[in-house]
């Protein structure tokens, strides 16, 4: 790519990002939205997080786990348990990471 093409690409991507992320901020009044859609959008961040995290936990190189000695799986289970018990994000992260590290470094589990 030439320097001009690179700059045009960067400017275009910036404009598209600003428009798509700022779409709901541009109108002066609230955009009318049906109640069912507003309720459904409450779950969008959780769904996006699950869509990103779940494959990292249950897949190795594009294949499902083939062993139960997978530190990521047990770390995720421990983190979910901590969150269900305490409702604490920092504790959830620390608990899941600690379990994963103990299994990986302490017991030598490497997973699939």
Protein backbone atom coordinates (compact mmCIF):
# COMPACT_ATOMS: atom_id res chain seq x y z
CA UNK A 1 0.00 0.00 0.00
CA UNK A 2 1.14 3.50 -0.69
CA UNK A 3 1.24 6.16 2.00
CA UNK A 4 -1.90 7.79 0.56
CA UNK A 5 -3.82 4.51 0.62
CA UNK A 6 -2.73 3.90 4.21
CA UNK A 7 -3.91 7.35 5.34
CA UNK A 8 -7.21 7.03 3.46
CA UNK A 9 -7.78 3.64 5.08
CA UNK A 10 -7.04 5.03 8.55
CA UNK A 11 -9.33 8.03 8.04
CA UNK A 12 -12.12 5.83 6.69
CA UNK A 13 -11.84 3.34 9.55
CA UNK A 14 -11.86 6.20 12.07
CA UNK A 15 -14.99 7.72 10.53
CA UNK A 16 -16.80 4.36 10.49
CA UNK A 17 -15.81 3.68 14.12
CA UNK A 18 -17.02 7.09 15.28
CA UNK A 19 -20.32 6.73 13.41
CA UNK A 20 -21.10 3.21 14.59
CA UNK A 21 -20.08 3.75 18.23
CA UNK A 22 -21.64 7.20 18.46
CA UNK A 23 -24.88 6.29 16.68
CA UNK A 24 -26.96 6.40 19.87
CA UNK A 25 -25.27 9.58 21.08
CA UNK A 26 -26.00 11.67 17.97
CA UNK A 27 -29.80 12.22 18.29
CA UNK A 28 -30.89 15.06 20.59
CA UNK A 29 -33.71 13.03 22.09
CA UNK A 30 -34.00 9.39 23.10
CA UNK A 31 -34.62 6.97 20.23
CA UNK A 32 -38.00 5.24 20.71
CA UNK A 33 -37.48 1.54 21.31
CA UNK A 34 -39.97 -1.22 22.13
CA UNK A 35 -39.81 -2.52 25.69
CA UNK A 36 -38.96 -6.06 24.60
CA UNK A 37 -35.93 -4.79 22.67
CA UNK A 38 -34.76 -2.68 25.61
CA UNK A 39 -35.04 -5.75 27.88
CA UNK A 40 -33.18 -7.93 25.38
CA UNK A 41 -30.33 -5.41 25.04
CA UNK A 42 -29.64 -5.68 28.77
CA UNK A 43 -28.16 -9.13 28.09
CA UNK A 44 -25.98 -8.14 25.11
CA UNK A 45 -22.77 -7.48 27.13
CA UNK A 46 -23.07 -10.81 28.93
CA UNK A 47 -23.70 -12.64 25.65
CA UNK A 48 -20.67 -10.98 24.06
CA UNK A 49 -18.47 -11.92 27.02
CA UNK A 50 -19.62 -15.55 26.93
CA UNK A 51 -19.03 -15.67 23.16
CA UNK A 52 -15.42 -14.56 23.69
CA UNK A 53 -14.56 -16.53 26.84
CA UNK A 54 -16.31 -19.88 26.25
CA UNK A 55 -14.25 -20.94 23.20
CA UNK A 56 -11.04 -20.10 25.08
CA UNK A 57 -12.09 -22.39 27.92
CA UNK A 58 -13.43 -25.43 26.05
CA UNK A 59 -11.35 -25.43 22.85
CA UNK A 60 -7.69 -26.18 22.18
CA UNK A 61 -6.42 -25.41 18.69
CA UNK A 62 -9.99 -25.46 17.36
CA UNK A 63 -10.94 -28.82 18.90
CA UNK A 64 -12.94 -29.63 22.01
CA UNK A 65 -10.97 -30.57 25.09
CA UNK A 66 -9.99 -34.22 25.16
CA UNK A 67 -8.90 -34.39 28.81
CA UNK A 68 -10.33 -33.37 32.16
CA UNK A 69 -6.85 -32.22 33.25
CA UNK A 70 -7.28 -28.81 31.66
CA UNK A 71 -6.37 -25.94 34.02
CA UNK A 72 -8.46 -23.39 32.11
CA UNK A 73 -11.62 -25.44 32.58
CA UNK A 74 -11.15 -25.83 36.35
CA UNK A 75 -10.13 -22.18 36.69
CA UNK A 76 -13.36 -21.15 34.96
CA UNK A 77 -15.42 -23.45 37.20
CA UNK A 78 -13.73 -22.06 40.32
CA UNK A 79 -14.23 -18.48 39.12
CA UNK A 80 -17.91 -19.10 38.40
CA UNK A 81 -18.34 -20.64 41.83
CA UNK A 82 -16.63 -17.68 43.51
CA UNK A 83 -18.81 -15.21 41.63
CA UNK A 84 -21.99 -17.13 42.52
CA UNK A 85 -20.91 -17.11 46.18
CA UNK A 86 -19.53 -13.59 46.63
CA UNK A 87 -20.62 -11.49 43.60
CA UNK A 88 -17.13 -9.98 43.52
CA UNK A 89 -15.39 -9.39 40.20
CA UNK A 90 -11.85 -8.99 41.56
CA UNK A 91 -12.20 -12.12 43.70
CA UNK A 92 -13.54 -13.99 40.68
CA UNK A 93 -10.48 -13.11 38.62
CA UNK A 94 -8.05 -13.90 41.44
CA UNK A 95 -9.76 -17.21 42.30
CA UNK A 96 -9.88 -18.45 38.70
CA UNK A 97 -6.31 -17.43 38.01
CA UNK A 98 -5.03 -18.97 41.26
CA UNK A 99 -6.72 -22.31 40.55
CA UNK A 100 -5.38 -22.34 37.01
CA UNK A 101 -1.84 -21.52 38.16
CA UNK A 102 -1.85 -24.12 40.94
CA UNK A 103 -2.98 -26.80 38.51
CA UNK A 104 -0.56 -25.74 35.79
CA UNK A 105 2.54 -24.91 37.83
CA UNK A 106 1.91 -26.94 40.98
CA UNK A 107 0.55 -30.17 39.52
CA UNK A 108 2.01 -29.86 36.04
CA UNK A 109 -1.29 -30.05 34.18
CA UNK A 110 -0.82 -28.78 30.66
CA UNK A 111 -4.19 -29.69 29.19
CA UNK A 112 -4.72 -30.80 25.63
